[in-house]
Amino acid sequence: MQTYFLVCVRVPLVASDVTTTLKQLGLGVPLVANSAEEALEMLAGLEDGASLGHALVQVAPDTFATSALRGALDRMGAKVVLLHDDLPAAEDTLHFPVLTPPFFTEDLEGVFSPLRPSA
């Protein structure tokens, strides 16, 4: 069974950098989208038995709370990290870890490391 992770980020350079780091963490095969709609299409196209373990989604917390993408990620059991500049709103309201820009590779690794299964 193939394991994937989702990077849904609007800025291609950031998406590329994040994807490289998450691949190095061993999170699986990347799915890279620049919008929620594109991400939903990618998720719908996954083969039966595919697993989506993690997702980094650039979105406002209030938008994500009621989005179709959140529903899809919840159904797949993905561990979600939001990329947004409103840290308190996202963590308090949705209870998801939040990565706030600007960030460094160490910040990205730090937010995903606790979400990885132990070896």
PDB file of N, CA and C in Angstrom:
ATOM      1  N   MET A   1       0.847  -1.172   0.000  1.00  0.00           N
ATOM      2  CA  MET A   1       0.000   0.000   0.000  1.00  0.00           C
ATOM      3  C   MET A   1       0.898   1.243   0.000  1.00  0.00           C
ATOM      4  N   GLN A   2       0.636   2.155  -0.910  1.00  0.00           N
ATOM      5  CA  GLN A   2       1.420   3.378  -1.049  1.00  0.00           C
ATOM      6  C   GLN A   2       0.949   4.433  -0.057  1.00  0.00           C
ATOM      7  N   THR A   3       1.893   5.107   0.588  1.00  0.00           N
ATOM      8  CA  THR A   3       1.580   6.198   1.509  1.00  0.00           C
ATOM      9  C   THR A   3       1.956   7.519   0.856  1.00  0.00           C
ATOM     10  N   TYR A   4       1.044   8.483   0.980  1.00  0.00           N
ATOM     11  CA  TYR A   4       1.230   9.805   0.399  1.00  0.00           C
ATOM     12  C   TYR A   4       1.191  10.872   1.483  1.00  0.00           C
ATOM     13  N   PHE A   5       1.677  12.055   1.129  1.00  0.00           N
ATOM     14  CA  PHE A   5       1.435  13.244   1.938  1.00  0.00           C
ATOM     15  C   PHE A   5       1.047  14.365   0.987  1.00  0.00           C
ATOM     16  N   LEU A   6       0.267  15.305   1.498  1.00  0.00           N
ATOM     17  CA  LEU A   6      -0.246  16.409   0.695  1.00  0.00           C
ATOM     18  C   LEU A   6       0.415  17.713   1.105  1.00  0.00           C
ATOM     19  N   VAL A   7       0.844  18.476   0.111  1.00  0.00           N
ATOM     20  CA  VAL A   7       1.314  19.838   0.308  1.00  0.00           C
ATOM     21  C   VAL A   7       0.406  20.717  -0.542  1.00  0.00           C
ATOM     22  N   CYS A   8      -0.420  21.501   0.110  1.00  0.00           N
ATOM     23  CA  CYS A   8      -1.349  22.402  -0.583  1.00  0.00           C
ATOM     24  C   CYS A   8      -0.945  23.831  -0.222  1.00  0.00           C
ATOM     25  N   VAL A   9      -0.072  24.391  -1.064  1.00  0.00           N
ATOM     26  CA  VAL A   9       0.525  25.699  -0.816  1.00  0.00           C
ATOM     27  C   VAL A   9       0.477  26.496  -2.111  1.00  0.00           C
ATOM     28  N   ARG A  10       0.104  27.766  -2.013  1.00  0.00           N
ATOM     29  CA  ARG A  10      -0.095  28.611  -3.198  1.00  0.00           C
ATOM     30  C   ARG A  10       1.197  29.049  -3.890  1.00  0.00           C
ATOM     31  N   VAL A  11       2.296  29.162  -3.175  1.00  0.00           N
ATOM     32  CA  VAL A  11       3.548  29.655  -3.743  1.00  0.00           C
ATOM     33  C   VAL A  11       4.408  28.454  -4.166  1.00  0.00           C
ATOM     34  N   PRO A  12       4.652  28.293  -5.476  1.00  0.00           N
ATOM     35  CA  PRO A  12       5.384  27.113  -5.954  1.00  0.00           C
ATOM     36  C   PRO A  12       6.755  26.910  -5.313  1.00  0.00           C
ATOM     37  N   LEU A  13       7.518  27.966  -5.092  1.00  0.00           N
ATOM     38  CA  LEU A  13       8.835  27.822  -4.484  1.00  0.00           C
ATOM     39  C   LEU A  13       8.732  27.278  -3.058  1.00  0.00           C
ATOM     40  N   VAL A  14       7.779  27.776  -2.307  1.00  0.00           N
ATOM     41  CA  VAL A  14       7.563  27.284  -0.938  1.00  0.00           C
ATOM     42  C   VAL A  14       7.099  25.834  -0.976  1.00  0.00           C
ATOM     43  N   ALA A  15       6.178  25.530  -1.873  1.00  0.00           N
ATOM     44  CA  ALA A  15       5.680  24.156  -1.993  1.00  0.00           C
ATOM     45  C   ALA A  15       6.817  23.187  -2.315  1.00  0.00           C
ATOM     46  N   SER A  16       7.701  23.589  -3.208  1.00  0.00           N
ATOM     47  CA  SER A  16       8.832  22.744  -3.582  1.00  0.00           C
ATOM     48  C   SER A  16       9.762  22.504  -2.399  1.00  0.00           C
ATOM     49  N   ASP A  17      10.079  23.543  -1.675  1.00  0.00           N
ATOM     50  CA  ASP A  17      10.973  23.427  -0.522  1.00  0.00           C
ATOM     51  C   ASP A  17      10.359  22.555   0.566  1.00  0.00           C
ATOM     52  N   VAL A  18       9.085  22.789   0.856  1.00  0.00           N
ATOM     53  CA  VAL A  18       8.376  22.004   1.872  1.00  0.00           C
ATOM     54  C   VAL A  18       8.330  20.536   1.458  1.00  0.00           C
ATOM     55  N   THR A  19       8.025  20.288   0.202  1.00  0.00           N
ATOM     56  CA  THR A  19       7.933  18.914  -0.296  1.00  0.00           C
ATOM     57  C   THR A  19       9.264  18.184  -0.135  1.00  0.00           C
ATOM     58  N   THR A  20      10.354  18.840  -0.471  1.00  0.00           N
ATOM     59  CA  THR A  20      11.679  18.232  -0.329  1.00  0.00           C
ATOM     60  C   THR A  20      11.947  17.845   1.125  1.00  0.00           C
ATOM     61  N   THR A  21      11.635  18.747   2.032  1.00  0.00           N
ATOM     62  CA  THR A  21      11.874  18.471   3.451  1.00  0.00           C
ATOM     63  C   THR A  21      11.013  17.320   3.950  1.00  0.00           C
ATOM     64  N   LEU A  22       9.744  17.310   3.580  1.00  0.00           N
ATOM     65  CA  LEU A  22       8.845  16.251   4.054  1.00  0.00           C
ATOM     66  C   LEU A  22       9.206  14.892   3.448  1.00  0.00           C
ATOM     67  N   LYS A  23       9.706  14.885   2.225  1.00  0.00           N
ATOM     68  CA  LYS A  23      10.194  13.630   1.635  1.00  0.00           C
ATOM     69  C   LYS A  23      11.387  13.120   2.436  1.00  0.00           C
ATOM     70  N   GLN A  24      12.278  14.019   2.848  1.00  0.00           N
ATOM     71  CA  GLN A  24      13.443  13.626   3.634  1.00  0.00           C
ATOM     72  C   GLN A  24      13.041  13.075   5.002  1.00  0.00           C
ATOM     73  N   LEU A  25      11.880  13.509   5.499  1.00  0.00           N
ATOM     74  CA  LEU A  25      11.379  12.971   6.767  1.00  0.00           C
ATOM     75  C   LEU A  25      10.758  11.589   6.597  1.00  0.00           C
ATOM     76  N   GLY A  26      10.625  11.146   5.351  1.00  0.00           N
ATOM     77  CA  GLY A  26      10.091   9.812   5.097  1.00  0.00           C
ATOM     78  C   GLY A  26       8.581   9.720   5.171  1.00  0.00           C
ATOM     79  N   LEU A  27       7.887  10.783   4.809  1.00  0.00           N
ATOM     80  CA  LEU A  27       6.426  10.788   4.923  1.00  0.00           C
ATOM     81  C   LEU A  27       5.720  10.139   3.742  1.00  0.00           C
ATOM     82  N   GLY A  28       6.456   9.737   2.723  1.00  0.00           N
ATOM     83  CA  GLY A  28       5.829   9.052   1.591  1.00  0.00           C
ATOM     84  C   GLY A  28       6.022   9.791   0.290  1.00  0.00           C
ATOM     85  N   VAL A  29       5.070   9.582  -0.602  1.00  0.00           N
ATOM     86  CA  VAL A  29       5.087  10.182  -1.935  1.00  0.00           C
ATOM     87  C   VAL A  29       4.288  11.488  -1.888  1.00  0.00           C
ATOM     88  N   PRO A  30       4.849  12.572  -2.411  1.00  0.00           N
ATOM     89  CA  PRO A  30       4.154  13.852  -2.319  1.00  0.00           C
ATOM     90  C   PRO A  30       3.038  14.026  -3.346  1.00  0.00           C
ATOM     91  N   LEU A  31       1.988  14.673  -2.903  1.00  0.00           N
ATOM     92  CA  LEU A  31       0.945  15.210  -3.763  1.00  0.00           C
ATOM     93  C   LEU A  31       1.023  16.713  -3.558  1.00  0.00           C
ATOM     94  N   VAL A  32       1.295  17.466  -4.614  1.00  0.00           N
ATOM     95  CA  VAL A  32       1.486  18.905  -4.480  1.00  0.00           C
ATOM     96  C   VAL A  32       0.388  19.632  -5.249  1.00  0.00           C
ATOM     97  N   ALA A  33      -0.357  20.453  -4.535  1.00  0.00           N
ATOM     98  CA  ALA A  33      -1.465  21.213  -5.119  1.00  0.00           C
ATOM     99  C   ALA A  33      -1.316  22.677  -4.748  1.00  0.00           C
ATOM    100  N   ASN A  34      -1.847  23.554  -5.595  1.00  0.00           N
ATOM    101  CA  ASN A  34      -1.800  24.976  -5.257  1.00  0.00           C
ATOM    102  C   ASN A  34      -3.162  25.525  -4.863  1.00  0.00           C
ATOM    103  N   SER A  35      -4.168  24.647  -4.742  1.00  0.00           N
ATOM    104  CA  SER A  35      -5.484  25.075  -4.285  1.00  0.00           C
ATOM    105  C   SER A  35      -6.207  23.884  -3.650  1.00  0.00           C
ATOM    106  N   ALA A  36      -7.211  24.185  -2.861  1.00  0.00           N
ATOM    107  CA  ALA A  36      -7.999  23.122  -2.235  1.00  0.00           C
ATOM    108  C   ALA A  36      -8.703  22.282  -3.294  1.00  0.00           C
ATOM    109  N   GLU A  37      -9.170  22.922  -4.338  1.00  0.00           N
ATOM    110  CA  GLU A  37      -9.865  22.204  -5.405  1.00  0.00           C
ATOM    111  C   GLU A  37      -8.936  21.202  -6.085  1.00  0.00           C
ATOM    112  N   GLU A  38      -7.715  21.647  -6.380  1.00  0.00           N
ATOM    113  CA  GLU A  38      -6.738  20.754  -7.000  1.00  0.00           C
ATOM    114  C   GLU A  38      -6.381  19.603  -6.054  1.00  0.00           C
ATOM    115  N   ALA A  39      -6.258  19.906  -4.772  1.00  0.00           N
ATOM    116  CA  ALA A  39      -5.955  18.867  -3.786  1.00  0.00           C
ATOM    117  C   ALA A  39      -7.076  17.826  -3.739  1.00  0.00           C
ATOM    118  N   LEU A  40      -8.315  18.273  -3.758  1.00  0.00           N
ATOM    119  CA  LEU A  40      -9.444  17.345  -3.728  1.00  0.00           C
ATOM    120  C   LEU A  40      -9.447  16.436  -4.954  1.00  0.00           C
ATOM    121  N   GLU A  41      -9.113  16.983  -6.114  1.00  0.00           N
ATOM    122  CA  GLU A  41      -9.029  16.164  -7.332  1.00  0.00           C
ATOM    123  C   GLU A  41      -7.946  15.103  -7.195  1.00  0.00           C
ATOM    124  N   MET A  42      -6.806  15.491  -6.644  1.00  0.00           N
ATOM    125  CA  MET A  42      -5.710  14.535  -6.458  1.00  0.00           C
ATOM    126  C   MET A  42      -6.120  13.421  -5.493  1.00  0.00           C
ATOM    127  N   LEU A  43      -6.752  13.800  -4.400  1.00  0.00           N
ATOM    128  CA  LEU A  43      -7.172  12.801  -3.412  1.00  0.00           C
ATOM    129  C   LEU A  43      -8.197  11.848  -4.006  1.00  0.00           C
ATOM    130  N   ALA A  44      -9.116  12.375  -4.801  1.00  0.00           N
ATOM    131  CA  ALA A  44     -10.141  11.535  -5.429  1.00  0.00           C
ATOM    132  C   ALA A  44      -9.518  10.556  -6.421  1.00  0.00           C
ATOM    133  N   GLY A  45      -8.368  10.906  -6.986  1.00  0.00           N
ATOM    134  CA  GLY A  45      -7.710  10.058  -7.968  1.00  0.00           C
ATOM    135  C   GLY A  45      -6.779   9.004  -7.401  1.00  0.00           C
ATOM    136  N   LEU A  46      -6.627   8.966  -6.084  1.00  0.00           N
ATOM    137  CA  LEU A  46      -5.743   7.962  -5.486  1.00  0.00           C
ATOM    138  C   LEU A  46      -6.326   6.565  -5.657  1.00  0.00           C
ATOM    139  N   GLU A  47      -5.450   5.598  -5.837  1.00  0.00           N
ATOM    140  CA  GLU A  47      -5.886   4.219  -5.995  1.00  0.00           C
ATOM    141  C   GLU A  47      -6.463   3.678  -4.684  1.00  0.00           C
ATOM    142  N   ASP A  48      -7.293   2.662  -4.804  1.00  0.00           N
ATOM    143  CA  ASP A  48      -7.853   2.014  -3.620  1.00  0.00           C
ATOM    144  C   ASP A  48      -6.724   1.490  -2.747  1.00  0.00           C
ATOM    145  N   GLY A  49      -6.847   1.686  -1.463  1.00  0.00           N
ATOM    146  CA  GLY A  49      -5.843   1.219  -0.527  1.00  0.00           C
ATOM    147  C   GLY A  49      -4.724   2.210  -0.264  1.00  0.00           C
ATOM    148  N   ALA A  50      -4.712   3.321  -0.999  1.00  0.00           N
ATOM    149  CA  ALA A  50      -3.685   4.337  -0.762  1.00  0.00           C
ATOM    150  C   ALA A  50      -3.930   5.000   0.583  1.00  0.00           C
ATOM    151  N   SER A  51      -2.859   5.423   1.197  1.00  0.00           N
ATOM    152  CA  SER A  51      -2.925   6.053   2.511  1.00  0.00           C
ATOM    153  C   SER A  51      -2.368   7.468   2.433  1.00  0.00           C
ATOM    154  N   LEU A  52      -3.063   8.404   3.041  1.00  0.00           N
ATOM    155  CA  LEU A  52      -2.570   9.777   3.141  1.00  0.00           C
ATOM    156  C   LEU A  52      -2.314  10.037   4.617  1.00  0.00           C
ATOM    157  N   GLY A  53      -1.047  10.089   4.983  1.00  0.00           N
ATOM    158  CA  GLY A  53      -0.699  10.203   6.391  1.00  0.00           C
ATOM    159  C   GLY A  53      -0.643  11.623   6.917  1.00  0.00           C
ATOM    160  N   HIS A  54      -0.208  12.568   6.067  1.00  0.00           N
ATOM    161  CA  HIS A  54       0.038  13.930   6.529  1.00  0.00           C
ATOM    162  C   HIS A  54      -0.362  14.940   5.472  1.00  0.00           C
ATOM    163  N   ALA A  55      -0.672  16.143   5.922  1.00  0.00           N
ATOM    164  CA  ALA A  55      -1.007  17.229   4.999  1.00  0.00           C
ATOM    165  C   ALA A  55      -0.576  18.558   5.587  1.00  0.00           C
ATOM    166  N   LEU A  56       0.021  19.384   4.735  1.00  0.00           N
ATOM    167  CA  LEU A  56       0.306  20.777   5.069  1.00  0.00           C
ATOM    168  C   LEU A  56      -0.583  21.606   4.156  1.00  0.00           C
ATOM    169  N   VAL A  57      -1.466  22.385   4.741  1.00  0.00           N
ATOM    170  CA  VAL A  57      -2.452  23.129   3.966  1.00  0.00           C
ATOM    171  C   VAL A  57      -2.352  24.612   4.307  1.00  0.00           C
ATOM    172  N   GLN A  58      -2.139  25.426   3.281  1.00  0.00           N
ATOM    173  CA  GLN A  58      -2.107  26.877   3.457  1.00  0.00           C
ATOM    174  C   GLN A  58      -3.528  27.398   3.290  1.00  0.00           C
ATOM    175  N   VAL A  59      -4.130  27.775   4.418  1.00  0.00           N
ATOM    176  CA  VAL A  59      -5.518  28.216   4.396  1.00  0.00           C
ATOM    177  C   VAL A  59      -5.833  28.940   5.704  1.00  0.00           C
ATOM    178  N   ALA A  60      -6.796  29.844   5.629  1.00  0.00           N
ATOM    179  CA  ALA A  60      -7.265  30.502   6.853  1.00  0.00           C
ATOM    180  C   ALA A  60      -8.013  29.479   7.707  1.00  0.00           C
ATOM    181  N   PRO A  61      -7.797  29.492   9.003  1.00  0.00           N
ATOM    182  CA  PRO A  61      -8.435  28.510   9.875  1.00  0.00           C
ATOM    183  C   PRO A  61      -9.958  28.472   9.749  1.00  0.00           C
ATOM    184  N   ASP A  62     -10.603  29.632   9.661  1.00  0.00           N
ATOM    185  CA  ASP A  62     -12.061  29.626   9.565  1.00  0.00           C
ATOM    186  C   ASP A  62     -12.537  29.052   8.239  1.00  0.00           C
ATOM    187  N   THR A  63     -11.770  29.213   7.195  1.00  0.00           N
ATOM    188  CA  THR A  63     -12.111  28.628   5.903  1.00  0.00           C
ATOM    189  C   THR A  63     -11.926  27.111   5.951  1.00  0.00           C
ATOM    190  N   PHE A  64     -10.834  26.660   6.538  1.00  0.00           N
ATOM    191  CA  PHE A  64     -10.548  25.229   6.613  1.00  0.00           C
ATOM    192  C   PHE A  64     -11.575  24.497   7.471  1.00  0.00           C
ATOM    193  N   ALA A  65     -12.067  25.144   8.509  1.00  0.00           N
ATOM    194  CA  ALA A  65     -12.973  24.500   9.462  1.00  0.00           C
ATOM    195  C   ALA A  65     -14.172  23.850   8.795  1.00  0.00           C
ATOM    196  N   THR A  66     -14.701  24.477   7.762  1.00  0.00           N
ATOM    197  CA  THR A  66     -15.919  23.975   7.117  1.00  0.00           C
ATOM    198  C   THR A  66     -15.675  23.542   5.671  1.00  0.00           C
ATOM    199  N   SER A  67     -14.435  23.330   5.302  1.00  0.00           N
ATOM    200  CA  SER A  67     -14.109  23.040   3.906  1.00  0.00           C
ATOM    201  C   SER A  67     -14.278  21.566   3.545  1.00  0.00           C
ATOM    202  N   ALA A  68     -14.498  21.348   2.262  1.00  0.00           N
ATOM    203  CA  ALA A  68     -14.547  19.984   1.738  1.00  0.00           C
ATOM    204  C   ALA A  68     -13.189  19.301   1.897  1.00  0.00           C
ATOM    205  N   LEU A  69     -12.110  20.076   1.786  1.00  0.00           N
ATOM    206  CA  LEU A  69     -10.780  19.501   1.952  1.00  0.00           C
ATOM    207  C   LEU A  69     -10.592  18.962   3.366  1.00  0.00           C
ATOM    208  N   ARG A  70     -11.054  19.707   4.358  1.00  0.00           N
ATOM    209  CA  ARG A  70     -10.938  19.194   5.734  1.00  0.00           C
ATOM    210  C   ARG A  70     -11.714  17.891   5.878  1.00  0.00           C
ATOM    211  N   GLY A  71     -12.904  17.848   5.317  1.00  0.00           N
ATOM    212  CA  GLY A  71     -13.694  16.621   5.383  1.00  0.00           C
ATOM    213  C   GLY A  71     -12.979  15.442   4.758  1.00  0.00           C
ATOM    214  N   ALA A  72     -12.371  15.666   3.593  1.00  0.00           N
ATOM    215  CA  ALA A  72     -11.647  14.594   2.912  1.00  0.00           C
ATOM    216  C   ALA A  72     -10.436  14.149   3.725  1.00  0.00           C
ATOM    217  N   LEU A  73      -9.701  15.103   4.276  1.00  0.00           N
ATOM    218  CA  LEU A  73      -8.520  14.761   5.072  1.00  0.00           C
ATOM    219  C   LEU A  73      -8.914  14.040   6.354  1.00  0.00           C
ATOM    220  N   ASP A  74     -10.006  14.456   6.968  1.00  0.00           N
ATOM    221  CA  ASP A  74     -10.502  13.758   8.163  1.00  0.00           C
ATOM    222  C   ASP A  74     -10.862  12.308   7.836  1.00  0.00           C
ATOM    223  N   ARG A  75     -11.560  12.105   6.722  1.00  0.00           N
ATOM    224  CA  ARG A  75     -11.961  10.746   6.330  1.00  0.00           C
ATOM    225  C   ARG A  75     -10.749   9.850   6.055  1.00  0.00           C
ATOM    226  N   MET A  76      -9.680  10.456   5.553  1.00  0.00           N
ATOM    227  CA  MET A  76      -8.479   9.682   5.253  1.00  0.00           C
ATOM    228  C   MET A  76      -7.577   9.508   6.472  1.00  0.00           C
ATOM    229  N   GLY A  77      -7.904  10.189   7.555  1.00  0.00           N
ATOM    230  CA  GLY A  77      -7.109  10.068   8.775  1.00  0.00           C
ATOM    231  C   GLY A  77      -5.782  10.809   8.724  1.00  0.00           C
ATOM    232  N   ALA A  78      -5.673  11.800   7.855  1.00  0.00           N
ATOM    233  CA  ALA A  78      -4.422  12.548   7.721  1.00  0.00           C
ATOM    234  C   ALA A  78      -4.184  13.442   8.926  1.00  0.00           C
ATOM    235  N   LYS A  79      -2.941  13.541   9.304  1.00  0.00           N
ATOM    236  CA  LYS A  79      -2.523  14.479  10.343  1.00  0.00           C
ATOM    237  C   LYS A  79      -2.239  15.804   9.653  1.00  0.00           C
ATOM    238  N   VAL A  80      -2.988  16.834  10.017  1.00  0.00           N
ATOM    239  CA  VAL A  80      -2.956  18.104   9.302  1.00  0.00           C
ATOM    240  C   VAL A  80      -2.161  19.153  10.069  1.00  0.00           C
ATOM    241  N   VAL A  81      -1.360  19.905   9.314  1.00  0.00           N
ATOM    242  CA  VAL A  81      -0.686  21.096   9.811  1.00  0.00           C
ATOM    243  C   VAL A  81      -1.142  22.237   8.912  1.00  0.00           C
ATOM    244  N   LEU A  82      -1.561  23.340   9.512  1.00  0.00           N
ATOM    245  CA  LEU A  82      -1.973  24.501   8.739  1.00  0.00           C
ATOM    246  C   LEU A  82      -0.809  25.463   8.585  1.00  0.00           C
ATOM    247  N   LEU A  83      -0.730  26.082   7.431  1.00  0.00           N
ATOM    248  CA  LEU A  83       0.240  27.141   7.172  1.00  0.00           C
ATOM    249  C   LEU A  83      -0.560  28.432   7.118  1.00  0.00           C
ATOM    250  N   HIS A  84      -0.404  29.239   8.172  1.00  0.00           N
ATOM    251  CA  HIS A  84      -1.189  30.469   8.253  1.00  0.00           C
ATOM    252  C   HIS A  84      -0.559  31.397   9.276  1.00  0.00           C
ATOM    253  N   ASP A  85      -0.821  32.689   9.111  1.00  0.00           N
ATOM    254  CA  ASP A  85      -0.204  33.659  10.014  1.00  0.00           C
ATOM    255  C   ASP A  85      -1.032  33.940  11.258  1.00  0.00           C
ATOM    256  N   ASP A  86      -2.159  33.253  11.434  1.00  0.00           N
ATOM    257  CA  ASP A  86      -3.023  33.470  12.595  1.00  0.00           C
ATOM    258  C   ASP A  86      -2.942  32.269  13.532  1.00  0.00           C
ATOM    259  N   LEU A  87      -1.796  32.134  14.176  1.00  0.00           N
ATOM    260  CA  LEU A  87      -1.522  30.986  15.046  1.00  0.00           C
ATOM    261  C   LEU A  87      -2.578  30.758  16.125  1.00  0.00           C
ATOM    262  N   PRO A  88      -2.938  31.752  16.935  1.00  0.00           N
ATOM    263  CA  PRO A  88      -3.893  31.470  18.011  1.00  0.00           C
ATOM    264  C   PRO A  88      -5.245  30.978  17.507  1.00  0.00           C
ATOM    265  N   ALA A  89      -5.758  31.578  16.441  1.00  0.00           N
ATOM    266  CA  ALA A  89      -7.075  31.178  15.952  1.00  0.00           C
ATOM    267  C   ALA A  89      -7.073  29.728  15.491  1.00  0.00           C
ATOM    268  N   ALA A  90      -6.057  29.327  14.783  1.00  0.00           N
ATOM    269  CA  ALA A  90      -6.016  27.963  14.253  1.00  0.00           C
ATOM    270  C   ALA A  90      -5.830  26.940  15.360  1.00  0.00           C
ATOM    271  N   GLU A  91      -4.928  27.183  16.268  1.00  0.00           N
ATOM    272  CA  GLU A  91      -4.670  26.200  17.322  1.00  0.00           C
ATOM    273  C   GLU A  91      -5.815  26.133  18.321  1.00  0.00           C
ATOM    274  N   ASP A  92      -6.397  27.262  18.660  1.00  0.00           N
ATOM    275  CA  ASP A  92      -7.467  27.270  19.646  1.00  0.00           C
ATOM    276  C   ASP A  92      -8.779  26.752  19.084  1.00  0.00           C
ATOM    277  N   THR A  93      -9.096  27.134  17.860  1.00  0.00           N
ATOM    278  CA  THR A  93     -10.377  26.776  17.280  1.00  0.00           C
ATOM    279  C   THR A  93     -10.378  25.375  16.694  1.00  0.00           C
ATOM    280  N   LEU A  94      -9.352  25.021  15.962  1.00  0.00           N
ATOM    281  CA  LEU A  94      -9.332  23.759  15.230  1.00  0.00           C
ATOM    282  C   LEU A  94      -8.474  22.685  15.869  1.00  0.00           C
ATOM    283  N   HIS A  95      -7.605  23.068  16.760  1.00  0.00           N
ATOM    284  CA  HIS A  95      -6.714  22.121  17.430  1.00  0.00           C
ATOM    285  C   HIS A  95      -5.769  21.420  16.460  1.00  0.00           C
ATOM    286  N   PHE A  96      -5.295  22.166  15.458  1.00  0.00           N
ATOM    287  CA  PHE A  96      -4.271  21.680  14.543  1.00  0.00           C
ATOM    288  C   PHE A  96      -2.991  22.446  14.809  1.00  0.00           C
ATOM    289  N   PRO A  97      -1.846  21.783  14.632  1.00  0.00           N
ATOM    290  CA  PRO A  97      -0.593  22.532  14.688  1.00  0.00           C
ATOM    291  C   PRO A  97      -0.576  23.554  13.548  1.00  0.00           C
ATOM    292  N   VAL A  98       0.092  24.673  13.798  1.00  0.00           N
ATOM    293  CA  VAL A  98       0.164  25.733  12.809  1.00  0.00           C
ATOM    294  C   VAL A  98       1.615  26.135  12.604  1.00  0.00           C
ATOM    295  N   LEU A  99       1.979  26.280  11.346  1.00  0.00           N
ATOM    296  CA  LEU A  99       3.287  26.783  10.967  1.00  0.00           C
ATOM    297  C   LEU A  99       3.062  28.199  10.459  1.00  0.00           C
ATOM    298  N   THR A 100       3.743  29.160  11.064  1.00  0.00           N
ATOM    299  CA  THR A 100       3.541  30.549  10.673  1.00  0.00           C
ATOM    300  C   THR A 100       4.733  31.065   9.878  1.00  0.00           C
ATOM    301  N   PRO A 101       4.444  31.718   8.756  1.00  0.00           N
ATOM    302  CA  PRO A 101       5.537  32.295   7.979  1.00  0.00           C
ATOM    303  C   PRO A 101       6.058  33.558   8.640  1.00  0.00           C
ATOM    304  N   PRO A 102       7.309  33.883   8.453  1.00  0.00           N
ATOM    305  CA  PRO A 102       8.308  33.072   7.759  1.00  0.00           C
ATOM    306  C   PRO A 102       8.768  31.930   8.655  1.00  0.00           C
ATOM    307  N   PHE A 103       9.211  30.848   8.040  1.00  0.00           N
ATOM    308  CA  PHE A 103       9.677  29.703   8.811  1.00  0.00           C
ATOM    309  C   PHE A 103      10.930  29.130   8.161  1.00  0.00           C
ATOM    310  N   PHE A 104      11.657  28.365   8.954  1.00  0.00           N
ATOM    311  CA  PHE A 104      12.876  27.710   8.496  1.00  0.00           C
ATOM    312  C   PHE A 104      12.634  26.206   8.407  1.00  0.00           C
ATOM    313  N   THR A 105      13.546  25.504   7.778  1.00  0.00           N
ATOM    314  CA  THR A 105      13.442  24.049   7.657  1.00  0.00           C
ATOM    315  C   THR A 105      13.284  23.401   9.024  1.00  0.00           C
ATOM    316  N   GLU A 106      14.022  23.899  10.004  1.00  0.00           N
ATOM    317  CA  GLU A 106      13.943  23.338  11.357  1.00  0.00           C
ATOM    318  C   GLU A 106      12.537  23.500  11.941  1.00  0.00           C
ATOM    319  N   ASP A 107      11.869  24.608  11.623  1.00  0.00           N
ATOM    320  CA  ASP A 107      10.500  24.819  12.098  1.00  0.00           C
ATOM    321  C   ASP A 107       9.557  23.787  11.481  1.00  0.00           C
ATOM    322  N   LEU A 108       9.713  23.559  10.190  1.00  0.00           N
ATOM    323  CA  LEU A 108       8.886  22.578   9.483  1.00  0.00           C
ATOM    324  C   LEU A 108       9.115  21.184  10.054  1.00  0.00           C
ATOM    325  N   GLU A 109      10.360  20.819  10.218  1.00  0.00           N
ATOM    326  CA  GLU A 109      10.678  19.519  10.805  1.00  0.00           C
ATOM    327  C   GLU A 109      10.112  19.400  12.211  1.00  0.00           C
ATOM    328  N   GLY A 110      10.205  20.482  12.976  1.00  0.00           N
ATOM    329  CA  GLY A 110       9.723  20.467  14.353  1.00  0.00           C
ATOM    330  C   GLY A 110       8.228  20.266  14.470  1.00  0.00           C
ATOM    331  N   VAL A 111       7.467  20.834  13.548  1.00  0.00           N
ATOM    332  CA  VAL A 111       6.010  20.697  13.624  1.00  0.00           C
ATOM    333  C   VAL A 111       5.555  19.318  13.127  1.00  0.00           C
ATOM    334  N   PHE A 112       6.304  18.715  12.204  1.00  0.00           N
ATOM    335  CA  PHE A 112       5.911  17.401  11.688  1.00  0.00           C
ATOM    336  C   PHE A 112       6.489  16.240  12.487  1.00  0.00           C
ATOM    337  N   SER A 113       7.626  16.400  13.121  1.00  0.00           N
ATOM    338  CA  SER A 113       8.256  15.302  13.848  1.00  0.00           C
ATOM    339  C   SER A 113       7.356  14.643  14.886  1.00  0.00           C
ATOM    340  N   PRO A 114       6.609  15.419  15.707  1.00  0.00           N
ATOM    341  CA  PRO A 114       5.735  14.762  16.672  1.00  0.00           C
ATOM    342  C   PRO A 114       4.558  14.005  16.032  1.00  0.00           C
ATOM    343  N   LEU A 115       4.264  14.298  14.769  1.00  0.00           N
ATOM    344  CA  LEU A 115       3.141  13.657  14.088  1.00  0.00           C
ATOM    345  C   LEU A 115       3.521  12.359  13.400  1.00  0.00           C
ATOM    346  N   ARG A 116       4.831  12.101  13.305  1.00  0.00           N
ATOM    347  CA  ARG A 116       5.302  10.899  12.642  1.00  0.00           C
ATOM    348  C   ARG A 116       5.169   9.707  13.560  1.00  0.00           C
ATOM    349  N   PRO A 117       4.875   8.538  12.996  1.00  0.00           N
ATOM    350  CA  PRO A 117       4.847   7.331  13.828  1.00  0.00           C
ATOM    351  C   PRO A 117       6.242   7.020  14.347  1.00  0.00           C
ATOM    352  N   SER A 118       6.322   6.509  15.546  1.00  0.00           N
ATOM    353  CA  SER A 118       7.636   6.168  16.101  1.00  0.00           C
ATOM    354  C   SER A 118       8.174   4.927  15.402  1.00  0.00           C
ATOM    355  N   ALA A 119       9.477   4.892  15.257  1.00  0.00           N
ATOM    356  CA  ALA A 119      10.122   3.786  14.524  1.00  0.00           C
ATOM    357  C   ALA A 119      10.173   2.530  15.355  1.00  0.00           C
TER     358      ALA A 119
END
